[in-house]
Protein backbone atom coordinates (compact mmCIF):
# COMPACT_ATOMS: atom_id res chain seq x y z
CA MET A 1 -63.15 13.14 12.43
CA GLY A 2 -65.66 11.99 10.14
CA ALA A 3 -68.35 8.80 11.06
CA VAL A 4 -68.47 4.79 9.61
CA GLY A 5 -71.46 3.71 8.69
CA ILE A 6 -72.29 -0.39 8.67
CA ASN A 7 -74.35 -1.60 6.05
CA PHE A 8 -75.63 -5.47 6.62
CA GLY A 9 -78.35 -5.06 4.52
CA ALA A 10 -82.35 -7.11 6.27
CA ALA A 11 -81.30 -8.32 9.60
CA ALA A 12 -83.07 -11.28 8.34
CA SER A 13 -80.60 -12.42 5.65
CA GLY A 14 -78.19 -13.66 8.01
CA ALA A 15 -75.84 -12.20 5.38
CA GLY A 16 -73.88 -9.78 8.33
CA PHE A 17 -71.79 -7.29 7.14
CA ASP A 18 -67.58 -7.58 5.90
CA VAL A 19 -65.93 -6.53 9.20
CA THR A 20 -62.55 -5.97 7.92
CA THR A 21 -63.64 -3.49 5.25
CA THR A 22 -65.47 -1.81 8.24
CA VAL A 23 -62.40 -1.97 11.00
CA ALA A 24 -59.86 -0.59 8.03
CA SER A 25 -62.67 2.71 7.43
CA ILE A 26 -62.71 3.03 11.32
CA VAL A 27 -58.86 2.60 11.64
CA ALA A 28 -58.29 5.39 8.83
CA ASN A 29 -60.85 7.39 10.19
CA LEU A 30 -58.89 7.87 13.48
CA GLN A 31 -55.59 7.94 11.97
CA GLN A 32 -56.54 11.68 10.25
CA VAL A 33 -55.40 13.22 13.42
CA GLU A 34 -52.04 12.00 12.48
CA THR A 35 -52.01 14.41 8.73
CA PRO A 36 -50.98 17.29 10.28
CA TRP A 37 -47.95 15.86 12.62
CA ASN A 38 -46.90 13.79 9.00
CA THR A 39 -47.33 16.62 7.29
CA GLN A 40 -45.36 18.59 9.48
CA LEU A 41 -42.16 15.80 10.01
CA THR A 42 -42.46 16.00 6.07
CA ALA A 43 -41.35 19.78 6.40
CA LEU A 44 -38.65 19.72 8.55
CA LYS A 45 -36.82 16.72 7.06
CA ALA A 46 -37.29 19.61 3.66
CA ASP A 47 -35.11 21.57 6.28
CA ASP A 48 -33.03 19.22 8.16
CA THR A 49 -31.87 18.91 4.01
CA ALA A 50 -31.55 22.46 3.59
CA LEU A 51 -29.87 23.20 6.54
CA THR A 52 -27.07 19.86 6.12
CA THR A 53 -26.35 21.61 2.49
CA ILE A 54 -25.96 24.74 3.33
CA GLY A 55 -23.28 23.45 6.75
CA THR A 56 -21.53 21.52 4.18
CA ASP A 57 -20.95 24.49 2.20
CA LEU A 58 -20.06 26.40 5.05
CA SER A 59 -17.53 24.00 6.64
CA SER A 60 -15.86 23.61 2.75
CA LEU A 61 -15.55 27.57 2.87
CA SER A 62 -13.72 27.23 6.26
CA THR A 63 -11.68 25.23 4.52
CA SER A 64 -10.71 27.28 2.09
CA LEU A 65 -10.10 29.51 3.97
CA SER A 66 -7.84 28.27 6.29
CA ALA A 67 -5.54 27.41 3.65
CA LEU A 68 -4.91 30.86 3.54
CA THR A 69 -4.80 31.86 7.12
CA ASP A 70 -2.85 28.81 8.20
CA PHE A 71 0.57 30.13 9.44
CA GLU A 72 2.22 27.13 7.78
CA GLY A 73 0.01 27.17 4.56
CA VAL A 74 -0.18 28.60 1.43
CA MET A 75 0.86 31.91 2.45
CA THR A 76 4.56 30.12 3.31
CA GLU A 77 5.07 28.63 0.00
CA LYS A 78 7.88 29.24 -2.03
CA GLU A 79 9.91 28.21 -5.16
CA GLY A 80 13.36 28.67 -6.03
CA SER A 81 15.37 29.03 -9.07
CA SER A 82 19.64 28.77 -9.64
CA SER A 83 20.59 31.33 -12.66
CA ASP A 84 22.72 27.80 -13.67
CA THR A 85 21.61 24.53 -13.40
CA ASN A 86 25.22 22.39 -14.75
CA VAL A 87 26.21 23.75 -11.60
CA LEU A 88 23.04 23.87 -8.47
CA THR A 89 19.78 23.45 -8.56
CA LEU A 90 16.71 23.80 -6.48
CA THR A 91 15.44 21.34 -4.94
CA SER A 92 12.90 22.21 -2.77
CA ALA A 93 11.55 25.38 -0.82
CA GLY A 94 10.01 25.28 2.59
CA SER A 95 7.39 27.31 4.09
CA THR A 96 10.20 28.19 6.77
CA ALA A 97 12.58 29.51 3.44
CA SER A 98 12.64 33.79 2.48
CA ALA A 99 12.31 34.70 -0.07
CA GLY A 100 15.37 36.92 -1.32
CA THR A 101 18.41 36.11 -3.46
CA HIS A 102 21.38 34.06 -2.16
CA THR A 103 24.78 33.95 -3.86
CA VAL A 104 26.49 30.44 -3.81
CA VAL A 105 30.24 29.53 -5.27
CA VAL A 106 30.58 25.75 -5.22
CA SER A 107 34.77 25.42 -5.20
CA GLN A 108 34.78 21.21 -4.81
CA LEU A 109 32.13 18.35 -5.10
CA ALA A 110 31.54 15.76 -1.74
CA GLN A 111 32.90 12.15 -3.00
CA THR A 112 31.70 9.32 -1.33
CA ALA A 113 34.58 7.07 -0.73
CA SER A 114 35.16 3.56 -2.84
CA GLY A 115 37.47 1.38 -3.83
CA TYR A 116 37.69 -1.70 -6.26
CA SER A 117 39.91 -5.24 -7.30
CA ASP A 118 41.95 -5.99 -10.06
CA PRO A 119 39.62 -8.23 -12.79
CA ILE A 120 39.26 -11.53 -12.66
CA ALA A 121 36.66 -14.65 -13.86
CA ALA A 122 33.65 -13.62 -12.49
CA ASN A 123 33.37 -17.82 -11.27
CA ASP A 124 37.04 -17.52 -9.96
CA ILE A 125 37.00 -18.61 -6.30
CA ILE A 126 38.79 -16.81 -4.16
CA SER A 127 40.01 -17.28 -0.23
CA GLY A 128 41.81 -14.92 2.59
CA ALA A 129 40.17 -11.88 3.55
CA LEU A 130 40.33 -7.81 3.37
CA THR A 131 39.11 -5.57 7.07
CA LEU A 132 37.15 -2.76 6.36
CA ARG A 133 36.88 0.59 8.19
CA VAL A 134 34.80 3.45 7.48
CA GLY A 135 35.74 6.63 8.89
CA SER A 136 36.30 6.58 12.99
CA GLY A 137 34.41 2.83 13.01
CA PRO A 138 35.70 -0.27 14.25
CA ALA A 139 38.04 -1.80 11.98
CA THR A 140 36.44 -5.24 10.73
CA THR A 141 37.72 -9.06 9.10
CA ILE A 142 35.48 -10.21 6.20
CA PRO A 143 37.03 -14.27 5.59
CA ALA A 144 36.28 -15.15 2.28
CA VAL A 145 35.78 -19.12 2.78
CA SER A 146 38.92 -20.50 1.94
CA GLY A 147 39.34 -22.43 -1.73
CA SER A 148 36.14 -23.62 -1.27
CA SER A 149 33.13 -21.39 -3.08
CA ASP A 150 33.15 -18.07 -2.81
CA THR A 151 33.09 -15.56 -5.40
CA LEU A 152 33.53 -12.45 -5.78
CA ALA A 153 29.64 -12.44 -5.98
CA THR A 154 29.11 -14.56 -3.09
CA TYR A 155 31.90 -12.75 -0.64
CA ALA A 156 30.14 -9.44 -1.74
CA ALA A 157 26.67 -10.33 -0.48
CA ALA A 158 28.79 -11.59 2.98
CA ILE A 159 30.19 -8.42 3.31
CA ASN A 160 26.99 -6.63 3.27
CA TYR A 161 25.52 -9.63 5.59
CA ALA A 162 27.98 -8.43 7.63
CA ASP A 163 26.62 -5.34 7.84
CA VAL A 164 30.03 -2.67 8.55
CA GLY A 165 29.02 0.29 6.21
CA VAL A 166 30.50 -0.41 3.32
CA THR A 167 27.95 -1.68 0.11
CA ALA A 168 29.77 -4.27 -2.18
CA SER A 169 28.70 -5.16 -5.36
CA VAL A 170 30.43 -7.07 -8.36
CA ILE A 171 31.39 -4.80 -11.71
CA SER A 172 31.94 -7.02 -15.07
CA ASP A 173 33.34 -6.05 -18.28
CA ALA A 174 35.35 -6.99 -20.97
CA ASN A 175 38.27 -7.22 -18.58
CA GLY A 176 36.79 -9.60 -16.31
CA SER A 177 34.94 -8.89 -13.22
CA ARG A 178 35.86 -6.54 -10.17
CA LEU A 179 34.28 -6.23 -6.34
CA SER A 180 33.54 -2.56 -5.83
CA LEU A 181 33.28 -1.17 -2.25
CA VAL A 182 31.11 2.27 -1.55
CA SER A 183 31.28 3.55 1.79
CA LYS A 184 27.93 4.22 3.23
CA THR A 185 28.68 7.60 4.36
CA SER A 186 28.98 9.73 2.10
CA GLY A 187 32.19 12.96 2.75
CA ALA A 188 35.19 12.55 4.45
CA SER A 189 33.31 11.86 7.69
CA GLY A 190 33.19 8.26 5.38
CA ALA A 191 36.91 7.14 4.26
CA LEU A 192 37.16 3.90 3.75
CA THR A 193 40.23 2.25 5.31
CA VAL A 194 40.66 -1.28 3.69
CA THR A 195 43.78 -3.69 4.77
CA GLU A 196 43.94 -6.69 3.08
CA GLY A 197 43.76 -10.22 5.20
CA GLY A 198 43.45 -9.71 8.95
CA THR A 199 42.33 -11.27 11.88
CA THR A 200 38.91 -12.39 13.37
CA THR A 201 37.98 -12.69 17.24
CA THR A 202 35.33 -15.47 18.35
CA THR A 203 31.70 -14.64 17.94
CA THR A 204 28.91 -15.84 19.72
CA ALA A 205 25.26 -15.37 18.26
CA ALA A 206 21.66 -16.85 17.76
CA THR A 207 21.51 -18.81 14.43
CA THR A 208 19.64 -16.34 11.26
CA THR A 209 16.92 -18.07 10.28
CA ALA A 210 17.05 -20.05 7.58
CA ALA A 211 16.18 -18.98 3.70
CA ASP A 212 13.61 -21.40 2.55
CA VAL A 213 12.74 -22.40 -0.82
CA ALA A 214 8.93 -24.13 -1.25
CA PRO A 215 9.05 -27.03 -3.04
CA THR A 216 7.15 -27.62 -6.20
CA ALA A 217 7.09 -30.62 -8.77
CA THR A 218 10.25 -30.09 -10.10
CA VAL A 219 11.78 -28.49 -7.31
CA ALA A 220 12.68 -29.99 -4.46
CA ALA A 221 12.40 -28.26 -0.54
CA SER A 222 15.28 -26.77 1.03
CA ASN A 223 16.20 -25.00 4.31
CA THR A 224 19.38 -23.04 4.05
CA PHE A 225 21.48 -21.42 7.10
CA ALA A 226 24.08 -19.25 5.79
CA PHE A 227 27.15 -18.63 8.39
CA PRO A 228 29.71 -15.79 8.81
CA SER A 229 32.32 -18.74 7.82
CA ALA A 230 33.00 -21.68 6.84
CA SER A 231 34.50 -22.33 10.30
CA SER A 232 31.61 -21.65 12.42
CA GLN A 233 30.11 -23.61 14.66
CA LEU A 234 26.83 -25.31 15.85
CA SER A 235 25.15 -25.53 19.36
CA GLY A 236 21.75 -26.29 20.37
CA THR A 237 18.42 -27.77 19.01
CA PHE A 238 17.33 -27.93 15.43
CA SER A 239 13.58 -28.13 14.95
CA TYR A 240 12.27 -29.76 11.83
CA ALA A 241 8.43 -29.87 10.37
CA VAL A 242 7.91 -31.52 6.96
CA GLY A 243 4.51 -30.17 5.32
CA SER A 244 1.59 -30.61 8.43
CA ALA A 245 3.62 -32.64 10.19
CA SER A 246 4.29 -32.15 13.97
CA PRO A 247 7.46 -30.40 14.84
CA ALA A 248 10.41 -32.76 15.88
CA THR A 249 13.60 -32.54 17.27
CA VAL A 250 17.52 -33.44 16.82
CA ASN A 251 19.89 -31.55 20.06
CA LEU A 252 23.06 -30.51 18.83
CA GLY A 253 24.18 -30.62 21.85
CA SER A 254 25.91 -27.37 24.01
CA THR A 255 29.42 -28.08 22.58
CA PRO A 256 30.03 -26.83 19.30
CA LEU A 257 30.18 -28.61 16.08
CA SER A 258 31.88 -27.96 13.15
CA LEU A 259 29.19 -27.47 10.48
CA THR A 260 30.23 -30.56 8.71
CA ALA A 261 29.68 -32.47 12.07
CA ALA A 262 26.67 -31.24 12.59
CA ALA A 263 25.17 -31.77 9.19
CA SER A 264 26.25 -35.73 10.31
CA ALA A 265 24.55 -35.20 13.36
CA LEU A 266 21.53 -34.41 11.92
CA ASN A 267 21.39 -37.24 8.95
CA ALA A 268 22.13 -39.90 11.82
CA ASP A 269 18.68 -39.05 13.58
CA SER A 270 16.30 -41.40 12.99
CA GLY A 271 13.21 -39.37 12.73
CA PHE A 272 15.24 -36.19 10.92
CA SER A 273 15.69 -39.51 7.82
CA SER A 274 12.08 -41.37 7.94
CA ALA A 275 11.17 -37.75 7.34
CA GLY A 276 13.05 -37.66 4.08
CA LEU A 277 15.44 -34.77 4.84
CA ASN A 278 19.11 -34.53 3.96
CA ALA A 279 21.96 -32.29 5.45
CA THR A 280 24.90 -31.75 3.60
CA VAL A 281 27.63 -28.50 3.39
CA SER A 282 28.52 -25.76 1.53
CA GLY A 283 31.07 -23.61 2.19
CA ASN A 284 29.38 -21.52 4.95
CA LYS A 285 26.31 -22.94 4.38
CA LEU A 286 24.16 -25.82 5.67
CA ILE A 287 21.94 -26.95 2.87
CA ILE A 288 18.16 -28.68 4.34
CA THR A 289 17.06 -30.32 1.58
CA GLY A 290 13.27 -32.45 1.48
CA SER A 291 11.60 -33.84 -1.85
CA SER A 292 9.76 -32.29 -4.77
CA ASP A 293 6.11 -31.77 -4.03
CA SER A 294 3.80 -29.67 -5.89
CA THR A 295 0.83 -29.56 -3.22
CA GLY A 296 3.10 -28.29 -0.35
CA ALA A 297 3.11 -31.83 1.07
CA ALA A 298 6.51 -31.51 1.25
CA THR A 299 7.47 -28.25 2.58
CA ILE A 300 10.09 -28.10 5.05
CA ASN A 301 9.99 -25.68 8.20
CA THR A 302 12.57 -24.90 10.95
CA SER A 303 11.56 -22.20 12.21
CA ALA A 304 11.35 -23.21 15.95
CA SER A 305 14.83 -23.88 15.34
CA SER A 306 17.06 -22.25 19.22
CA LEU A 307 20.67 -22.84 17.52
CA THR A 308 23.80 -21.05 18.03
CA THR A 309 26.49 -19.98 15.82
CA THR A 310 29.71 -19.67 17.36
CA THR A 311 32.77 -18.36 14.62
CA PRO A 312 36.30 -19.29 16.39
CA ALA A 313 38.70 -16.68 16.06
CA ALA A 314 41.15 -16.74 13.30
CA THR A 315 43.69 -15.07 10.89
CA TYR A 316 43.53 -14.28 7.86
CA THR A 317 46.05 -13.89 4.40
CA GLY A 318 44.82 -10.75 1.40
CA LEU A 319 42.54 -11.75 -0.77
CA THR A 320 43.87 -14.46 -3.47
CA ASP A 321 42.75 -15.93 -6.69
CA VAL A 322 42.58 -19.25 -5.90
CA THR A 323 41.76 -20.57 -9.50
CA THR A 324 44.50 -18.92 -11.09
CA PRO A 325 47.57 -19.89 -8.13
CA ALA A 326 49.70 -16.74 -6.65
CA SER A 327 47.30 -14.65 -8.07
CA THR A 328 46.65 -11.71 -5.58
CA LEU A 329 43.63 -10.10 -5.41
CA ASN A 330 44.51 -6.40 -5.00
CA ILE A 331 42.03 -3.74 -3.92
CA ASN A 332 42.48 -0.28 -5.50
CA THR A 333 41.10 3.49 -4.59
CA GLY A 334 38.22 4.14 -5.77
CA LEU A 335 37.72 7.94 -4.99
CA THR A 336 38.94 9.77 -1.82
CA ALA A 337 36.52 10.92 0.45
CA GLN A 338 35.09 14.37 0.97
CA ASP A 339 33.59 16.88 1.68
CA ALA A 340 31.34 19.62 -0.44
CA LEU A 341 33.18 23.08 -0.52
CA LEU A 342 31.08 26.39 -0.69
CA THR A 343 29.86 29.72 0.12
CA VAL A 344 27.21 31.16 0.54
CA ASP A 345 26.72 35.03 0.61
CA GLY A 346 30.36 34.44 1.25
CA ILE A 347 30.04 32.74 4.45
CA SER A 348 31.69 29.32 4.25
CA VAL A 349 30.51 25.95 3.65
CA ASP A 350 30.91 22.34 4.12
CA SER A 351 28.67 19.28 3.37
CA SER A 352 29.38 15.63 3.28
CA SER A 353 26.40 15.39 0.80
CA ASN A 354 25.81 17.52 -2.76
CA THR A 355 22.36 17.37 -1.36
CA VAL A 356 22.93 20.46 0.65
CA SER A 357 19.79 21.65 3.38
CA THR A 358 21.53 23.36 6.17
CA ALA A 359 23.20 26.27 4.29
CA ILE A 360 20.00 28.75 3.57
CA PRO A 361 17.46 27.96 5.76
CA GLY A 362 14.29 26.21 4.18
CA VAL A 363 16.08 25.65 0.89
CA THR A 364 17.27 22.63 -0.98
CA PHE A 365 19.68 22.16 -3.45
CA GLN A 366 21.92 19.78 -5.52
CA LEU A 367 25.66 20.39 -6.14
CA LEU A 368 26.66 19.26 -9.57
CA ALA A 369 29.62 20.68 -11.25
CA LYS A 370 32.04 23.60 -9.33
CA SER A 371 31.61 26.63 -10.00
CA SER A 372 33.72 29.17 -12.28
CA THR A 373 31.04 32.26 -11.64
CA PRO A 374 29.09 32.76 -8.69
CA VAL A 375 25.58 30.94 -8.58
CA GLN A 376 22.67 33.03 -8.06
CA VAL A 377 19.77 31.07 -5.97
CA GLU A 378 16.34 32.88 -6.08
CA ILE A 379 13.98 32.21 -3.76
CA VAL A 380 9.77 33.82 -4.81
CA ASN A 381 6.77 33.48 -3.13
CA ASP A 382 4.47 31.28 -4.81
CA ASN A 383 2.02 33.87 -6.34
CA THR A 384 0.18 31.18 -8.43
CA ASP A 385 -0.44 28.26 -5.52
CA VAL A 386 -1.60 31.20 -3.79
CA GLU A 387 -3.61 32.55 -6.30
CA THR A 388 -5.80 29.63 -6.52
CA ALA A 389 -6.67 29.26 -3.24
CA PHE A 390 -7.96 32.76 -3.51
CA SER A 391 -10.06 31.02 -6.23
CA THR A 392 -11.26 28.66 -4.37
CA PHE A 393 -11.90 30.71 -1.31
CA VAL A 394 -14.22 33.00 -3.82
CA SER A 395 -15.79 30.05 -5.24
CA ALA A 396 -16.89 28.40 -1.65
CA TYR A 397 -18.04 31.85 -0.75
CA ASN A 398 -20.31 31.86 -3.86
CA LYS A 399 -21.42 28.76 -3.34
CA VAL A 400 -22.96 28.83 0.13
CA LEU A 401 -25.06 32.35 -1.25
CA GLY A 402 -26.22 30.65 -3.75
CA ASP A 403 -27.47 28.08 -1.53
CA LEU A 404 -28.96 31.09 0.37
CA THR A 405 -30.32 32.60 -2.94
CA THR A 406 -32.15 29.40 -3.76
CA GLN A 407 -34.19 28.73 -0.81
CA GLU A 408 -35.69 32.37 -0.98
CA GLY A 409 -37.57 31.53 -4.34
CA ASN A 410 -39.36 28.80 -5.36
CA ASP A 411 -39.01 25.07 -6.70
CA SER A 412 -39.06 23.21 -9.99
CA SER A 413 -43.15 23.02 -9.26
CA GLY A 414 -43.79 25.95 -8.34
CA ASN A 415 -43.68 25.09 -4.31
CA PRO A 416 -41.91 27.24 -1.90
CA GLU A 417 -38.55 26.06 -1.22
CA PRO A 418 -38.20 24.33 2.60
CA LEU A 419 -36.40 27.78 4.07
CA TYR A 420 -38.56 30.20 2.48
CA GLY A 421 -39.67 32.96 5.30
CA ASN A 422 -37.05 30.62 7.43
CA PRO A 423 -35.48 33.89 9.23
CA ILE A 424 -32.06 31.94 9.60
CA ILE A 425 -31.32 32.72 5.67
CA ALA A 426 -31.44 36.61 6.91
CA GLN A 427 -28.94 35.93 9.07
CA LEU A 428 -26.50 33.73 7.10
CA GLN A 429 -26.94 36.21 4.46
CA SER A 430 -26.16 39.06 7.18
CA ALA A 431 -23.21 37.71 9.08
CA LEU A 432 -21.98 36.93 5.69
CA SER A 433 -21.90 40.08 4.10
CA MET A 434 -20.23 42.28 7.15
CA ALA A 435 -18.08 39.68 7.92
CA LEU A 436 -16.56 40.93 4.16
CA THR A 437 -15.66 44.39 5.46
CA THR A 438 -14.44 43.68 9.18
CA GLY A 439 -11.05 43.47 10.12
CA THR A 440 -8.27 45.78 10.60
CA ALA A 441 -5.45 46.67 8.48
CA SER A 442 -2.09 45.23 7.56
CA GLY A 443 0.11 48.18 6.43
CA SER A 444 -1.08 49.20 2.80
CA VAL A 445 -4.09 46.76 2.94
CA SER A 446 -7.59 47.64 4.44
CA ASN A 447 -9.84 46.06 2.16
CA LEU A 448 -10.51 42.67 -0.37
CA ALA A 449 -10.64 45.24 -3.32
CA GLN A 450 -6.43 45.68 -2.96
CA LEU A 451 -7.28 41.99 -3.30
CA GLY A 452 -8.72 41.59 -6.52
CA ILE A 453 -11.50 40.53 -4.89
CA SER A 454 -15.10 43.04 -6.11
CA VAL A 455 -18.73 42.18 -4.17
CA SER A 456 -21.73 42.48 -6.76
CA ASN A 457 -25.31 43.93 -6.29
CA THR A 458 -26.07 40.20 -5.64
CA GLY A 459 -23.37 39.72 -2.74
CA THR A 460 -21.04 37.31 -5.12
CA LEU A 461 -17.12 37.91 -5.49
CA SER A 462 -15.15 37.33 -8.05
CA LEU A 463 -11.64 38.05 -8.19
CA ASP A 464 -9.33 39.60 -10.41
CA ASN A 465 -5.76 37.55 -11.10
CA SER A 466 -3.99 40.31 -11.74
CA THR A 467 -5.26 42.94 -9.30
CA LEU A 468 -3.80 39.90 -6.76
CA ASP A 469 -0.73 38.60 -8.87
CA SER A 470 0.70 42.78 -8.55
CA ILE A 471 -0.17 43.37 -4.47
CA LEU A 472 1.62 39.65 -3.92
CA ASN A 473 4.16 41.06 -5.25
CA SER A 474 4.67 44.56 -3.82
CA ASN A 475 3.68 44.08 -1.10
CA TYR A 476 3.27 40.19 0.01
CA SER A 477 3.70 40.66 3.75
CA ASP A 478 0.70 43.23 4.11
CA VAL A 479 -1.36 40.33 2.38
CA VAL A 480 -0.28 37.84 4.37
CA GLY A 481 -1.17 39.86 8.08
CA PHE A 482 -4.42 40.47 6.32
CA LEU A 483 -5.27 37.37 6.16
CA GLN A 484 -3.45 35.99 9.60
CA ASN A 485 -2.73 38.80 12.20
CA SER A 486 -4.83 39.00 15.14
CA ASN A 487 -8.29 40.98 14.50
CA SER A 488 -7.84 40.59 10.73
CA PHE A 489 -10.53 39.73 7.92
CA GLY A 490 -8.84 36.30 7.62
CA GLN A 491 -8.91 35.43 11.48
CA SER A 492 -12.57 37.88 12.06
CA LEU A 493 -13.74 36.27 8.49
CA ALA A 494 -13.07 32.47 10.34
CA THR A 495 -14.64 33.50 13.32
CA THR A 496 -17.56 34.32 11.64
CA LEU A 497 -17.43 30.99 9.86
CA ASN A 498 -16.97 28.65 13.15
CA GLY A 499 -20.69 31.05 14.80
CA LEU A 500 -22.53 29.81 11.65
CA GLY A 501 -21.70 26.61 10.13
CA SER A 502 -22.79 22.73 11.72
CA SER A 503 -19.09 21.75 12.82
CA GLY A 504 -19.39 23.12 16.14
CA PRO A 505 -21.80 23.42 18.63
CA ASP A 506 -22.44 26.69 18.93
CA GLY A 507 -22.86 27.16 15.00
CA ALA A 508 -26.40 28.28 13.22
CA ILE A 509 -27.06 25.76 10.95
CA THR A 510 -26.18 22.79 14.44
CA LEU A 511 -29.40 24.60 16.48
CA ALA A 512 -31.43 24.84 13.76
CA LEU A 513 -30.79 21.21 13.35
CA ALA A 514 -31.40 20.69 16.75
CA ALA A 515 -34.23 23.01 17.12
CA ASP A 516 -36.12 20.44 14.22
CA SER A 517 -34.70 18.16 15.89
CA THR A 518 -36.40 18.55 18.93
CA GLN A 519 -39.39 19.17 17.37
CA GLU A 520 -39.75 15.52 15.22
CA THR A 521 -38.52 13.69 18.28
CA THR A 522 -41.87 15.00 20.11
CA LEU A 523 -44.06 14.71 16.11
CA ASN A 524 -42.60 10.85 16.02
CA ASP A 525 -43.48 10.11 19.72
CA ASP A 526 -46.57 11.38 19.62
CA VAL A 527 -47.30 9.92 16.26
CA THR A 528 -45.82 6.45 17.80
CA ALA A 529 -48.40 6.82 20.76
CA GLN A 530 -51.38 7.52 18.73
CA ASN A 531 -50.58 4.45 16.49
CA ALA A 532 -50.07 2.45 19.59
CA LEU A 533 -53.68 3.94 20.74
CA ILE A 534 -55.10 2.98 17.97
CA ALA A 535 -53.72 -0.38 17.25
CA THR A 536 -55.76 -1.48 21.46
CA GLN A 537 -59.04 0.26 19.97
CA LYS A 538 -58.84 -1.69 17.01
CA ALA A 539 -58.31 -4.75 18.62
CA ASN A 540 -61.50 -4.27 20.86
CA ILE A 541 -63.18 -3.24 17.54
CA THR A 542 -62.51 -5.88 15.41
CA SER A 543 -63.63 -8.09 18.52
CA GLU A 544 -67.23 -6.04 19.45
CA LEU A 545 -68.22 -6.21 15.41
CA ASN A 546 -67.09 -10.01 15.01
CA THR A 547 -69.53 -10.71 18.19
CA ALA A 548 -72.29 -8.76 16.58
CA ASN A 549 -71.90 -9.90 13.09
CA GLU A 550 -71.84 -13.82 14.20
CA VAL A 551 -75.09 -12.89 16.36
CA LEU A 552 -76.47 -10.71 12.89
CA GLN A 553 -75.27 -13.84 10.86
CA ALA A 554 -77.15 -16.05 13.60
CA ILE A 555 -81.12 -14.91 13.40
CA PRO A 556 -82.17 -16.48 9.99
CA GLN A 557 -81.42 -19.90 12.12
CA GLN A 558 -82.86 -18.97 14.99
CA LEU A 559 -86.58 -17.89 12.96
CA ASP A 560 -86.01 -21.22 11.58
CA GLU A 561 -86.29 -22.64 15.25
CA MET A 562 -88.97 -20.22 16.35
CA ASN A 563 -91.25 -21.57 13.68
CA GLU A 564 -90.37 -24.94 14.18
CA LEU A 565 -91.45 -24.63 17.76
CA TYR A 566 -94.76 -22.44 16.54
CA SER A 567 -95.75 -25.09 14.49
CA ALA A 568 -94.76 -28.18 17.22
CA MET A 569 -97.13 -26.39 19.50
CA THR A 570 -100.43 -25.68 17.29
CA GLY A 571 -99.95 -27.75 14.46
CA TYR A 572 -99.55 -25.50 11.90
CA ASN A 573 -96.82 -26.61 9.27
CA GLU A 574 -96.19 -23.64 6.80
CA ASN A 575 -95.03 -25.75 4.51
CA PRO A 576 -97.30 -28.34 3.43
CA SER A 577 -96.49 -30.41 0.83
């Protein structure tokens, strides 16, 4: 630490000195003790950056290796082919599939049961009911809204709403519109039985939430409740709220009311009508209508209602086209339910679907047609993905090696890299180099060169894909063992990498970063303590120098007072006029 002088000129001048500048010089002098600490901190942070980069690249290397050593990774991937894609196409070959060739003969395709009605005009009104049964399941009678508003489209919606295992739709062409019925279960177990007419039992269930329509400037708000039948009845508490208004209720009672009676009860309620609401019935629907409004003030919310729907038992005839009197609507058989029949390697297999996933373990294929000759299905190892994984591993290894080599030289300014001379570089280089030759052999595979991986004079790796492809074709299982067996090359290298990187608590990079962190903490504590000491000294020095400066600045005034006193005592006047 150097000395700091104070220059205040002649003592009697009264000029004093610059306290701020003087204190700043003293503080700068005191802070010189921190210079080596801050220099060490800068060097340690540069070490941390370099170590973190190496740790990240070691983690990438571990990830690339795990793709090869994972028991369910790339080495288990398969791909397949069919000798006749008009009969059979491969959908997937998973990790549980085994390489090999299989012979498949398809004698029958699976079919999903279906039926369809006679054609009628799309808007014709229908009445009656159908009873539907899928396989050995229960039979369910689904009625149309007799003579009211059910068309083929609304009846199809009613069937789908009933969720009885059948998908209903309307198919239209030049001949008219037909009701289409398709079983949701493919194969023989999904056989569809359709009976004209039927009897329903009394059912009681919570009323389904209404479908709402938001109001616009031209469209009125509405809530529509759909019921199983026009004869359905309603009981319970109806709740409504318009816009942001508080909810209000109408008690329909515990005795079920017809939909028409329920609508009348709502309209008779003064609060309901005062809110601008109106209830109407259309077939099996109760419709609550409000006002048109584009601001949302007329929105209708009935979600808080607590209603029960009761549908009385009834007996129905078959479907009839009411618009064309005495026109019975027959249901015709479309496809008959059947399983796919095939043999795989001489073993009989049946499948409810043409997508077959149980005949060859790990393989899924699609049946498209019966076969006139056997179809060959070949499952092979996915060499392309394996070779890509090896290439990724080689690149990741070379990236780590490049990181280490960089730290052995100088940066672009000619200064040594942060880890130059640090023993961890040699430790990592040695460990990686030795790991390339460790691990027990697997059958005919005992070293990386057999996999097409060679090591240069500088330690970097290169991959010959043709050599790798050749050994994958001839000794695939041995390559897998070389990577995945206990004490194999792959498992040994994985263990080595775990001991070098920053992912585990005992990795060399982790320990080096921890050691740096300990030093950084000590140095930062020293800097903090020194700064606190300097702050205290700065305050004391500033106070003392301010006092001294005041004394110096007061000297001229004190001299003047002494002269005045002398003049008074002697009569001497220093400044005669």
